Amino acid sequence: MTAQLSLPFNRATRERDLALERIERVTSETFRERAAAHIVATLRRRGASSGEVLVMECKAAWIVPTDDRHFGQPFQALSRRGLIRCVGYCNRSRGHRTSGGRLWELVSPAR
C-alpha cells in the first residue's frame, strides 16, 4: 500500500517546478540573444546610454524577463566579448537618484 502525498507537498512541488520553468525561460539563449542584440542596436542609435535606459528600451520592445536582474547576463556577455564598455557612472533614475548607474557605449572596431 502506498501513501498518498499530502496537499502542501504537492503544491510546493508544483510551485517549484513552475519556478524552474520560469528560470529556464528567462535565462534561455533566446532572451539573452534578443536582449543583447537590442542593447547593441540601441547604443548604435542613441550613443552612450545608462544601463537603466537600455533595460527600459528592451522592455518597450517586449524583451521582458520575470526579474530585471536577469538583464545582467546580456550586459556581462557583451562586455566580456568586447562589444560594449562602461565609460562612466551616473545617478540611477529608478534608484531614487542614487549613484551607481553605469553608462555604456559600443566599442568601435579597430581600423
PDB file of N, CA and C in Angstrom:
ATOM      1  N   MET A   1       0.843  -1.174   0.000  1.00  0.00           N
ATOM      2  CA  MET A   1       0.000   0.000   0.000  1.00  0.00           C
ATOM      3  C   MET A   1       0.892   1.242   0.000  1.00  0.00           C
ATOM      4  N   THR A   2       0.647   2.149  -0.919  1.00  0.00           N
ATOM      5  CA  THR A   2       1.457   3.370  -0.999  1.00  0.00           C
ATOM      6  C   THR A   2       0.720   4.506  -0.323  1.00  0.00           C
ATOM      7  N   ALA A   3       1.490   5.362   0.295  1.00  0.00           N
ATOM      8  CA  ALA A   3       0.905   6.523   0.976  1.00  0.00           C
ATOM      9  C   ALA A   3       0.681   7.629  -0.038  1.00  0.00           C
ATOM     10  N   GLN A   4      -0.435   8.310   0.086  1.00  0.00           N
ATOM     11  CA  GLN A   4      -0.737   9.427  -0.795  1.00  0.00           C
ATOM     12  C   GLN A   4       0.001  10.665  -0.283  1.00  0.00           C
ATOM     13  N   LEU A   5       0.590  11.429  -1.193  1.00  0.00           N
ATOM     14  CA  LEU A   5       1.314  12.636  -0.807  1.00  0.00           C
ATOM     15  C   LEU A   5       0.340  13.677  -0.311  1.00  0.00           C
ATOM     16  N   SER A   6       0.758  14.444   0.669  1.00  0.00           N
ATOM     17  CA  SER A   6      -0.112  15.475   1.224  1.00  0.00           C
ATOM     18  C   SER A   6      -0.240  16.641   0.250  1.00  0.00           C
ATOM     19  N   LEU A   7      -1.302  17.386   0.385  1.00  0.00           N
ATOM     20  CA  LEU A   7      -1.578  18.525  -0.489  1.00  0.00           C
ATOM     21  C   LEU A   7      -0.474  19.584  -0.427  1.00  0.00           C
ATOM     22  N   PRO A   8       0.015  19.987   0.780  1.00  0.00           N
ATOM     23  CA  PRO A   8       1.077  21.004   0.800  1.00  0.00           C
ATOM     24  C   PRO A   8       2.330  20.565   0.050  1.00  0.00           C
ATOM     25  N   PHE A   9       2.682  19.292   0.135  1.00  0.00           N
ATOM     26  CA  PHE A   9       3.855  18.804  -0.583  1.00  0.00           C
ATOM     27  C   PHE A   9       3.620  18.895  -2.084  1.00  0.00           C
ATOM     28  N   ASN A  10       2.451  18.481  -2.528  1.00  0.00           N
ATOM     29  CA  ASN A  10       2.147  18.555  -3.963  1.00  0.00           C
ATOM     30  C   ASN A  10       2.154  19.997  -4.452  1.00  0.00           C
ATOM     31  N   ARG A  11       1.601  20.908  -3.671  1.00  0.00           N
ATOM     32  CA  ARG A  11       1.569  22.320  -4.056  1.00  0.00           C
ATOM     33  C   ARG A  11       2.989  22.878  -4.109  1.00  0.00           C
ATOM     34  N   ALA A  12       3.792  22.536  -3.116  1.00  0.00           N
ATOM     35  CA  ALA A  12       5.179  23.021  -3.092  1.00  0.00           C
ATOM     36  C   ALA A  12       5.962  22.479  -4.280  1.00  0.00           C
ATOM     37  N   THR A  13       5.743  21.213  -4.599  1.00  0.00           N
ATOM     38  CA  THR A  13       6.435  20.613  -5.738  1.00  0.00           C
ATOM     39  C   THR A  13       6.011  21.289  -7.034  1.00  0.00           C
ATOM     40  N   ARG A  14       4.713  21.551  -7.179  1.00  0.00           N
ATOM     41  CA  ARG A  14       4.208  22.198  -8.391  1.00  0.00           C
ATOM     42  C   ARG A  14       4.769  23.618  -8.506  1.00  0.00           C
ATOM     43  N   GLU A  15       4.791  24.355  -7.391  1.00  0.00           N
ATOM     44  CA  GLU A  15       5.331  25.717  -7.414  1.00  0.00           C
ATOM     45  C   GLU A  15       6.815  25.706  -7.752  1.00  0.00           C
ATOM     46  N   ARG A  16       7.554  24.732  -7.215  1.00  0.00           N
ATOM     47  CA  ARG A  16       8.983  24.619  -7.522  1.00  0.00           C
ATOM     48  C   ARG A  16       9.181  24.362  -9.010  1.00  0.00           C
ATOM     49  N   ASP A  17       8.402  23.437  -9.564  1.00  0.00           N
ATOM     50  CA  ASP A  17       8.535  23.112 -10.981  1.00  0.00           C
ATOM     51  C   ASP A  17       8.203  24.307 -11.865  1.00  0.00           C
ATOM     52  N   LEU A  18       7.171  25.064 -11.494  1.00  0.00           N
ATOM     53  CA  LEU A  18       6.829  26.264 -12.262  1.00  0.00           C
ATOM     54  C   LEU A  18       7.934  27.307 -12.180  1.00  0.00           C
ATOM     55  N   ALA A  19       8.524  27.459 -11.000  1.00  0.00           N
ATOM     56  CA  ALA A  19       9.628  28.414 -10.840  1.00  0.00           C
ATOM     57  C   ALA A  19      10.819  28.003 -11.696  1.00  0.00           C
ATOM     58  N   LEU A  20      11.120  26.717 -11.731  1.00  0.00           N
ATOM     59  CA  LEU A  20      12.238  26.237 -12.557  1.00  0.00           C
ATOM     60  C   LEU A  20      11.966  26.476 -14.037  1.00  0.00           C
ATOM     61  N   GLU A  21      10.726  26.293 -14.457  1.00  0.00           N
ATOM     62  CA  GLU A  21      10.374  26.568 -15.858  1.00  0.00           C
ATOM     63  C   GLU A  21      10.565  28.046 -16.183  1.00  0.00           C
ATOM     64  N   ARG A  22      10.151  28.935 -15.245  1.00  0.00           N
ATOM     65  CA  ARG A  22      10.322  30.379 -15.471  1.00  0.00           C
ATOM     66  C   ARG A  22      11.797  30.729 -15.581  1.00  0.00           C
ATOM     67  N   ILE A  23      12.612  30.131 -14.717  1.00  0.00           N
ATOM     68  CA  ILE A  23      14.056  30.400 -14.757  1.00  0.00           C
ATOM     69  C   ILE A  23      14.630  29.956 -16.092  1.00  0.00           C
ATOM     70  N   GLU A  24      14.215  28.792 -16.570  1.00  0.00           N
ATOM     71  CA  GLU A  24      14.709  28.310 -17.866  1.00  0.00           C
ATOM     72  C   GLU A  24      14.302  29.252 -18.981  1.00  0.00           C
ATOM     73  N   ARG A  25      13.056  29.745 -18.938  1.00  0.00           N
ATOM     74  CA  ARG A  25      12.595  30.669 -19.978  1.00  0.00           C
ATOM     75  C   ARG A  25      13.389  31.959 -19.946  1.00  0.00           C
ATOM     76  N   VAL A  26      13.608  32.494 -18.751  1.00  0.00           N
ATOM     77  CA  VAL A  26      14.276  33.781 -18.603  1.00  0.00           C
ATOM     78  C   VAL A  26      15.738  33.687 -18.994  1.00  0.00           C
ATOM     79  N   THR A  27      16.393  32.614 -18.620  1.00  0.00           N
ATOM     80  CA  THR A  27      17.821  32.504 -18.892  1.00  0.00           C
ATOM     81  C   THR A  27      18.096  31.787 -20.203  1.00  0.00           C
ATOM     82  N   SER A  28      17.076  31.622 -21.001  1.00  0.00           N
ATOM     83  CA  SER A  28      17.260  30.918 -22.267  1.00  0.00           C
ATOM     84  C   SER A  28      18.136  31.735 -23.208  1.00  0.00           C
ATOM     85  N   GLU A  29      18.734  31.046 -24.138  1.00  0.00           N
ATOM     86  CA  GLU A  29      19.553  31.713 -25.146  1.00  0.00           C
ATOM     87  C   GLU A  29      18.738  32.766 -25.885  1.00  0.00           C
ATOM     88  N   THR A  30      17.471  32.485 -26.115  1.00  0.00           N
ATOM     89  CA  THR A  30      16.640  33.421 -26.860  1.00  0.00           C
ATOM     90  C   THR A  30      16.566  34.764 -26.147  1.00  0.00           C
ATOM     91  N   PHE A  31      16.312  34.763 -24.836  1.00  0.00           N
ATOM     92  CA  PHE A  31      16.228  36.022 -24.105  1.00  0.00           C
ATOM     93  C   PHE A  31      17.568  36.749 -24.160  1.00  0.00           C
ATOM     94  N   ARG A  32      18.640  36.043 -23.842  1.00  0.00           N
ATOM     95  CA  ARG A  32      19.962  36.688 -23.819  1.00  0.00           C
ATOM     96  C   ARG A  32      20.321  37.252 -25.185  1.00  0.00           C
ATOM     97  N   GLU A  33      20.077  36.482 -26.227  1.00  0.00           N
ATOM     98  CA  GLU A  33      20.418  36.939 -27.582  1.00  0.00           C
ATOM     99  C   GLU A  33      19.570  38.134 -27.994  1.00  0.00           C
ATOM    100  N   ARG A  34      18.264  38.072 -27.728  1.00  0.00           N
ATOM    101  CA  ARG A  34      17.384  39.177 -28.101  1.00  0.00           C
ATOM    102  C   ARG A  34      17.743  40.447 -27.338  1.00  0.00           C
ATOM    103  N   ALA A  35      17.986  40.302 -26.025  1.00  0.00           N
ATOM    104  CA  ALA A  35      18.334  41.473 -25.217  1.00  0.00           C
ATOM    105  C   ALA A  35      19.671  42.058 -25.672  1.00  0.00           C
ATOM    106  N   ALA A  36      20.656  41.207 -25.893  1.00  0.00           N
ATOM    107  CA  ALA A  36      21.972  41.679 -26.326  1.00  0.00           C
ATOM    108  C   ALA A  36      21.877  42.397 -27.667  1.00  0.00           C
ATOM    109  N   ALA A  37      21.160  41.835 -28.608  1.00  0.00           N
ATOM    110  CA  ALA A  37      21.010  42.454 -29.926  1.00  0.00           C
ATOM    111  C   ALA A  37      20.309  43.812 -29.807  1.00  0.00           C
ATOM    112  N   HIS A  38      19.310  43.892 -28.953  1.00  0.00           N
ATOM    113  CA  HIS A  38      18.581  45.156 -28.803  1.00  0.00           C
ATOM    114  C   HIS A  38      19.445  46.205 -28.101  1.00  0.00           C
ATOM    115  N   ILE A  39      20.234  45.787 -27.134  1.00  0.00           N
ATOM    116  CA  ILE A  39      21.138  46.713 -26.449  1.00  0.00           C
ATOM    117  C   ILE A  39      22.132  47.305 -27.445  1.00  0.00           C
ATOM    118  N   VAL A  40      22.713  46.458 -28.283  1.00  0.00           N
ATOM    119  CA  VAL A  40      23.671  46.930 -29.294  1.00  0.00           C
ATOM    120  C   VAL A  40      22.988  47.890 -30.269  1.00  0.00           C
ATOM    121  N   ALA A  41      21.793  47.531 -30.728  1.00  0.00           N
ATOM    122  CA  ALA A  41      21.067  48.393 -31.671  1.00  0.00           C
ATOM    123  C   ALA A  41      20.730  49.738 -31.033  1.00  0.00           C
ATOM    124  N   THR A  42      20.337  49.722 -29.774  1.00  0.00           N
ATOM    125  CA  THR A  42      20.003  50.970 -29.085  1.00  0.00           C
ATOM    126  C   THR A  42      21.232  51.841 -28.898  1.00  0.00           C
ATOM    127  N   LEU A  43      22.359  51.239 -28.528  1.00  0.00           N
ATOM    128  CA  LEU A  43      23.595  52.012 -28.383  1.00  0.00           C
ATOM    129  C   LEU A  43      24.047  52.578 -29.724  1.00  0.00           C
ATOM    130  N   ARG A  44      23.844  51.832 -30.778  1.00  0.00           N
ATOM    131  CA  ARG A  44      24.208  52.324 -32.110  1.00  0.00           C
ATOM    132  C   ARG A  44      23.344  53.529 -32.476  1.00  0.00           C
ATOM    133  N   ARG A  45      22.073  53.481 -32.110  1.00  0.00           N
ATOM    134  CA  ARG A  45      21.135  54.547 -32.446  1.00  0.00           C
ATOM    135  C   ARG A  45      21.288  55.759 -31.532  1.00  0.00           C
ATOM    136  N   ARG A  46      21.456  55.547 -30.227  1.00  0.00           N
ATOM    137  CA  ARG A  46      21.439  56.638 -29.252  1.00  0.00           C
ATOM    138  C   ARG A  46      22.808  57.104 -28.796  1.00  0.00           C
ATOM    139  N   GLY A  47      23.815  56.273 -28.966  1.00  0.00           N
ATOM    140  CA  GLY A  47      25.121  56.587 -28.395  1.00  0.00           C
ATOM    141  C   GLY A  47      25.163  56.112 -26.950  1.00  0.00           C
ATOM    142  N   ALA A  48      26.123  56.602 -26.190  1.00  0.00           N
ATOM    143  CA  ALA A  48      26.292  56.168 -24.803  1.00  0.00           C
ATOM    144  C   ALA A  48      24.994  56.374 -24.023  1.00  0.00           C
ATOM    145  N   SER A  49      24.608  55.338 -23.280  1.00  0.00           N
ATOM    146  CA  SER A  49      23.355  55.375 -22.522  1.00  0.00           C
ATOM    147  C   SER A  49      23.530  54.624 -21.213  1.00  0.00           C
ATOM    148  N   SER A  50      22.699  54.979 -20.251  1.00  0.00           N
ATOM    149  CA  SER A  50      22.748  54.281 -18.971  1.00  0.00           C
ATOM    150  C   SER A  50      22.130  52.887 -19.109  1.00  0.00           C
ATOM    151  N   GLY A  51      22.561  52.008 -18.231  1.00  0.00           N
ATOM    152  CA  GLY A  51      22.003  50.663 -18.228  1.00  0.00           C
ATOM    153  C   GLY A  51      20.499  50.670 -18.028  1.00  0.00           C
ATOM    154  N   GLU A  52      20.002  51.594 -17.198  1.00  0.00           N
ATOM    155  CA  GLU A  52      18.562  51.664 -16.961  1.00  0.00           C
ATOM    156  C   GLU A  52      17.805  52.050 -18.230  1.00  0.00           C
ATOM    157  N   VAL A  53      18.347  52.973 -18.987  1.00  0.00           N
ATOM    158  CA  VAL A  53      17.699  53.368 -20.249  1.00  0.00           C
ATOM    159  C   VAL A  53      17.681  52.181 -21.207  1.00  0.00           C
ATOM    160  N   LEU A  54      18.779  51.452 -21.271  1.00  0.00           N
ATOM    161  CA  LEU A  54      18.853  50.300 -22.170  1.00  0.00           C
ATOM    162  C   LEU A  54      17.872  49.206 -21.761  1.00  0.00           C
ATOM    163  N   VAL A  55      17.723  48.994 -20.467  1.00  0.00           N
ATOM    164  CA  VAL A  55      16.753  47.999 -19.981  1.00  0.00           C
ATOM    165  C   VAL A  55      15.335  48.440 -20.334  1.00  0.00           C
ATOM    166  N   MET A  56      15.031  49.723 -20.131  1.00  0.00           N
ATOM    167  CA  MET A  56      13.688  50.214 -20.458  1.00  0.00           C
ATOM    168  C   MET A  56      13.414  50.118 -21.962  1.00  0.00           C
ATOM    169  N   GLU A  57      14.429  50.335 -22.784  1.00  0.00           N
ATOM    170  CA  GLU A  57      14.276  50.175 -24.230  1.00  0.00           C
ATOM    171  C   GLU A  57      13.961  48.718 -24.581  1.00  0.00           C
ATOM    172  N   CYS A  58      14.642  47.782 -23.917  1.00  0.00           N
ATOM    173  CA  CYS A  58      14.358  46.362 -24.142  1.00  0.00           C
ATOM    174  C   CYS A  58      12.928  46.036 -23.754  1.00  0.00           C
ATOM    175  N   LYS A  59      12.497  46.537 -22.613  1.00  0.00           N
ATOM    176  CA  LYS A  59      11.136  46.267 -22.156  1.00  0.00           C
ATOM    177  C   LYS A  59      10.106  46.840 -23.122  1.00  0.00           C
ATOM    178  N   ALA A  60      10.399  48.018 -23.661  1.00  0.00           N
ATOM    179  CA  ALA A  60       9.484  48.629 -24.623  1.00  0.00           C
ATOM    180  C   ALA A  60       9.372  47.785 -25.890  1.00  0.00           C
ATOM    181  N   ALA A  61      10.421  46.996 -26.168  1.00  0.00           N
ATOM    182  CA  ALA A  61      10.423  46.109 -27.338  1.00  0.00           C
ATOM    183  C   ALA A  61       9.927  44.703 -26.964  1.00  0.00           C
ATOM    184  N   TRP A  62       9.307  44.572 -25.812  1.00  0.00           N
ATOM    185  CA  TRP A  62       8.745  43.305 -25.323  1.00  0.00           C
ATOM    186  C   TRP A  62       9.808  42.242 -25.064  1.00  0.00           C
ATOM    187  N   ILE A  63      10.987  42.669 -24.682  1.00  0.00           N
ATOM    188  CA  ILE A  63      12.038  41.745 -24.236  1.00  0.00           C
ATOM    189  C   ILE A  63      12.028  41.874 -22.719  1.00  0.00           C
ATOM    190  N   VAL A  64      11.178  41.060 -22.076  1.00  0.00           N
ATOM    191  CA  VAL A  64      10.886  41.232 -20.663  1.00  0.00           C
ATOM    192  C   VAL A  64      11.093  39.927 -19.903  1.00  0.00           C
ATOM    193  N   PRO A  65      12.061  39.886 -18.988  1.00  0.00           N
ATOM    194  CA  PRO A  65      12.218  38.708 -18.145  1.00  0.00           C
ATOM    195  C   PRO A  65      11.286  38.799 -16.936  1.00  0.00           C
ATOM    196  N   THR A  66      11.275  37.771 -16.115  1.00  0.00           N
ATOM    197  CA  THR A  66      10.454  37.819 -14.907  1.00  0.00           C
ATOM    198  C   THR A  66      11.070  38.707 -13.843  1.00  0.00           C
ATOM    199  N   ASP A  67      12.347  38.994 -13.948  1.00  0.00           N
ATOM    200  CA  ASP A  67      13.053  39.813 -12.958  1.00  0.00           C
ATOM    201  C   ASP A  67      14.097  40.648 -13.695  1.00  0.00           C
ATOM    202  N   ASP A  68      14.148  41.939 -13.418  1.00  0.00           N
ATOM    203  CA  ASP A  68      15.090  42.828 -14.111  1.00  0.00           C
ATOM    204  C   ASP A  68      16.543  42.438 -13.893  1.00  0.00           C
ATOM    205  N   ARG A  69      16.827  41.725 -12.807  1.00  0.00           N
ATOM    206  CA  ARG A  69      18.212  41.320 -12.554  1.00  0.00           C
ATOM    207  C   ARG A  69      18.747  40.388 -13.633  1.00  0.00           C
ATOM    208  N   HIS A  70      17.854  39.775 -14.404  1.00  0.00           N
ATOM    209  CA  HIS A  70      18.293  38.887 -15.478  1.00  0.00           C
ATOM    210  C   HIS A  70      18.937  39.660 -16.627  1.00  0.00           C
ATOM    211  N   PHE A  71      18.761  40.970 -16.669  1.00  0.00           N
ATOM    212  CA  PHE A  71      19.408  41.770 -17.708  1.00  0.00           C
ATOM    213  C   PHE A  71      20.916  41.842 -17.517  1.00  0.00           C
ATOM    214  N   GLY A  72      21.413  41.483 -16.368  1.00  0.00           N
ATOM    215  CA  GLY A  72      22.850  41.474 -16.140  1.00  0.00           C
ATOM    216  C   GLY A  72      23.575  40.524 -17.068  1.00  0.00           C
ATOM    217  N   GLN A  73      22.930  39.426 -17.434  1.00  0.00           N
ATOM    218  CA  GLN A  73      23.567  38.434 -18.306  1.00  0.00           C
ATOM    219  C   GLN A  73      23.937  39.005 -19.671  1.00  0.00           C
ATOM    220  N   PRO A  74      23.018  39.661 -20.384  1.00  0.00           N
ATOM    221  CA  PRO A  74      23.410  40.211 -21.690  1.00  0.00           C
ATOM    222  C   PRO A  74      24.474  41.299 -21.579  1.00  0.00           C
ATOM    223  N   PHE A  75      24.375  42.167 -20.555  1.00  0.00           N
ATOM    224  CA  PHE A  75      25.398  43.202 -20.378  1.00  0.00           C
ATOM    225  C   PHE A  75      26.766  42.571 -20.141  1.00  0.00           C
ATOM    226  N   GLN A  76      26.807  41.579 -19.274  1.00  0.00           N
ATOM    227  CA  GLN A  76      28.070  40.916 -18.961  1.00  0.00           C
ATOM    228  C   GLN A  76      28.637  40.214 -20.198  1.00  0.00           C
ATOM    229  N   ALA A  77      27.791  39.531 -20.954  1.00  0.00           N
ATOM    230  CA  ALA A  77      28.258  38.823 -22.147  1.00  0.00           C
ATOM    231  C   ALA A  77      28.810  39.800 -23.182  1.00  0.00           C
ATOM    232  N   LEU A  78      28.089  40.903 -23.410  1.00  0.00           N
ATOM    233  CA  LEU A  78      28.556  41.899 -24.387  1.00  0.00           C
ATOM    234  C   LEU A  78      29.867  42.539 -23.948  1.00  0.00           C
ATOM    235  N   SER A  79      29.988  42.810 -22.651  1.00  0.00           N
ATOM    236  CA  SER A  79      31.207  43.412 -22.124  1.00  0.00           C
ATOM    237  C   SER A  79      32.385  42.444 -22.239  1.00  0.00           C
ATOM    238  N   ARG A  80      32.173  41.199 -21.888  1.00  0.00           N
ATOM    239  CA  ARG A  80      33.257  40.205 -21.973  1.00  0.00           C
ATOM    240  C   ARG A  80      33.699  39.958 -23.406  1.00  0.00           C
ATOM    241  N   ARG A  81      32.765  40.067 -24.346  1.00  0.00           N
ATOM    242  CA  ARG A  81      33.112  39.874 -25.753  1.00  0.00           C
ATOM    243  C   ARG A  81      33.748  41.129 -26.354  1.00  0.00           C
ATOM    244  N   GLY A  82      33.810  42.196 -25.578  1.00  0.00           N
ATOM    245  CA  GLY A  82      34.446  43.424 -26.053  1.00  0.00           C
ATOM    246  C   GLY A  82      33.586  44.233 -26.996  1.00  0.00           C
ATOM    247  N   LEU A  83      32.264  44.031 -26.965  1.00  0.00           N
ATOM    248  CA  LEU A  83      31.371  44.772 -27.846  1.00  0.00           C
ATOM    249  C   LEU A  83      30.886  46.077 -27.224  1.00  0.00           C
ATOM    250  N   ILE A  84      30.767  46.100 -25.900  1.00  0.00           N
ATOM    251  CA  ILE A  84      30.392  47.325 -25.196  1.00  0.00           C
ATOM    252  C   ILE A  84      31.365  47.532 -24.040  1.00  0.00           C
ATOM    253  N   ARG A  85      31.408  48.765 -23.548  1.00  0.00           N
ATOM    254  CA  ARG A  85      32.257  49.035 -22.390  1.00  0.00           C
ATOM    255  C   ARG A  85      31.601  50.113 -21.531  1.00  0.00           C
ATOM    256  N   CYS A  86      31.936  50.077 -20.255  1.00  0.00           N
ATOM    257  CA  CYS A  86      31.466  51.077 -19.306  1.00  0.00           C
ATOM    258  C   CYS A  86      32.351  52.307 -19.463  1.00  0.00           C
ATOM    259  N   VAL A  87      31.735  53.466 -19.708  1.00  0.00           N
ATOM    260  CA  VAL A  87      32.502  54.689 -19.917  1.00  0.00           C
ATOM    261  C   VAL A  87      32.289  55.711 -18.810  1.00  0.00           C
ATOM    262  N   GLY A  88      31.532  55.342 -17.816  1.00  0.00           N
ATOM    263  CA  GLY A  88      31.303  56.266 -16.712  1.00  0.00           C
ATOM    264  C   GLY A  88      30.150  55.810 -15.851  1.00  0.00           C
ATOM    265  N   TYR A  89      29.847  56.647 -14.897  1.00  0.00           N
ATOM    266  CA  TYR A  89      28.785  56.336 -13.944  1.00  0.00           C
ATOM    267  C   TYR A  89      27.816  57.506 -13.876  1.00  0.00           C
ATOM    268  N   CYS A  90      26.605  57.221 -13.466  1.00  0.00           N
ATOM    269  CA  CYS A  90      25.581  58.252 -13.385  1.00  0.00           C
ATOM    270  C   CYS A  90      24.654  57.952 -12.213  1.00  0.00           C
ATOM    271  N   ASN A  91      23.807  58.918 -11.896  1.00  0.00           N
ATOM    272  CA  ASN A  91      22.780  58.668 -10.898  1.00  0.00           C
ATOM    273  C   ASN A  91      21.706  57.788 -11.512  1.00  0.00           C
ATOM    274  N   ARG A  92      21.177  56.904 -10.707  1.00  0.00           N
ATOM    275  CA  ARG A  92      20.146  55.991 -11.192  1.00  0.00           C
ATOM    276  C   ARG A  92      18.803  56.705 -11.213  1.00  0.00           C
ATOM    277  N   SER A  93      18.062  56.518 -12.273  1.00  0.00           N
ATOM    278  CA  SER A  93      16.736  57.126 -12.344  1.00  0.00           C
ATOM    279  C   SER A  93      15.719  56.330 -11.529  1.00  0.00           C
ATOM    280  N   ARG A  94      15.881  55.028 -11.464  1.00  0.00           N
ATOM    281  CA  ARG A  94      14.923  54.192 -10.729  1.00  0.00           C
ATOM    282  C   ARG A  94      15.392  53.917  -9.303  1.00  0.00           C
ATOM    283  N   GLY A  95      16.549  54.377  -8.936  1.00  0.00           N
ATOM    284  CA  GLY A  95      17.076  54.138  -7.604  1.00  0.00           C
ATOM    285  C   GLY A  95      17.016  55.383  -6.748  1.00  0.00           C
ATOM    286  N   HIS A  96      15.986  56.195  -6.929  1.00  0.00           N
ATOM    287  CA  HIS A  96      15.806  57.429  -6.161  1.00  0.00           C
ATOM    288  C   HIS A  96      17.019  58.345  -6.306  1.00  0.00           C
ATOM    289  N   ARG A  97      17.556  58.383  -7.525  1.00  0.00           N
ATOM    290  CA  ARG A  97      18.681  59.256  -7.877  1.00  0.00           C
ATOM    291  C   ARG A  97      19.958  58.912  -7.120  1.00  0.00           C
ATOM    292  N   THR A  98      20.089  57.663  -6.674  1.00  0.00           N
ATOM    293  CA  THR A  98      21.320  57.245  -6.007  1.00  0.00           C
ATOM    294  C   THR A  98      22.402  57.009  -7.040  1.00  0.00           C
ATOM    295  N   SER A  99      23.638  56.978  -6.593  1.00  0.00           N
ATOM    296  CA  SER A  99      24.739  56.728  -7.516  1.00  0.00           C
ATOM    297  C   SER A  99      24.798  55.237  -7.845  1.00  0.00           C
ATOM    298  N   GLY A 100      25.574  54.903  -8.824  1.00  0.00           N
ATOM    299  CA  GLY A 100      25.761  53.502  -9.156  1.00  0.00           C
ATOM    300  C   GLY A 100      25.299  53.101 -10.531  1.00  0.00           C
ATOM    301  N   GLY A 101      24.654  54.001 -11.261  1.00  0.00           N
ATOM    302  CA  GLY A 101      24.265  53.680 -12.624  1.00  0.00           C
ATOM    303  C   GLY A 101      25.485  53.682 -13.531  1.00  0.00           C
ATOM    304  N   ARG A 102      25.495  52.814 -14.512  1.00  0.00           N
ATOM    305  CA  ARG A 102      26.619  52.761 -15.451  1.00  0.00           C
ATOM    306  C   ARG A 102      26.214  53.312 -16.803  1.00  0.00           C
ATOM    307  N   LEU A 103      27.168  53.991 -17.430  1.00  0.00           N
ATOM    308  CA  LEU A 103      26.987  54.462 -18.806  1.00  0.00           C
ATOM    309  C   LEU A 103      27.732  53.496 -19.716  1.00  0.00           C
ATOM    310  N   TRP A 104      27.041  53.007 -20.722  1.00  0.00           N
ATOM    311  CA  TRP A 104      27.615  52.040 -21.660  1.00  0.00           C
ATOM    312  C   TRP A 104      27.712  52.655 -23.046  1.00  0.00           C
ATOM    313  N   GLU A 105      28.721  52.223 -23.800  1.00  0.00           N
ATOM    314  CA  GLU A 105      28.840  52.619 -25.201  1.00  0.00           C
ATOM    315  C   GLU A 105      29.375  51.439 -26.001  1.00  0.00           C
ATOM    316  N   LEU A 106      29.144  51.500 -27.301  1.00  0.00           N
ATOM    317  CA  LEU A 106      29.703  50.482 -28.191  1.00  0.00           C
ATOM    318  C   LEU A 106      31.203  50.688 -28.302  1.00  0.00           C
ATOM    319  N   VAL A 107      31.901  49.593 -28.412  1.00  0.00           N
ATOM    320  CA  VAL A 107      33.345  49.651 -28.657  1.00  0.00           C
ATOM    321  C   VAL A 107      33.512  49.761 -30.150  1.00  0.00           C
ATOM    322  N   SER A 108      34.189  50.813 -30.602  1.00  0.00           N
ATOM    323  CA  SER A 108      34.369  50.977 -32.044  1.00  0.00           C
ATOM    324  C   SER A 108      35.388  49.948 -32.529  1.00  0.00           C
ATOM    325  N   PRO A 109      35.117  49.335 -33.661  1.00  0.00           N
ATOM    326  CA  PRO A 109      36.063  48.329 -34.185  1.00  0.00           C
ATOM    327  C   PRO A 109      37.389  48.969 -34.582  1.00  0.00           C
ATOM    328  N   ALA A 110      38.442  48.198 -34.430  1.00  0.00           N
ATOM    329  CA  ALA A 110      39.785  48.684 -34.827  1.00  0.00           C
ATOM    330  C   ALA A 110      39.818  48.903 -36.326  1.00  0.00           C
ATOM    331  N   ARG A 111      40.456  49.968 -36.725  1.00  0.00           N
ATOM    332  CA  ARG A 111      40.531  50.267 -38.168  1.00  0.00           C
ATOM    333  C   ARG A 111      41.930  50.079 -38.670  1.00  0.00           C
TER     334      ARG A 111
END
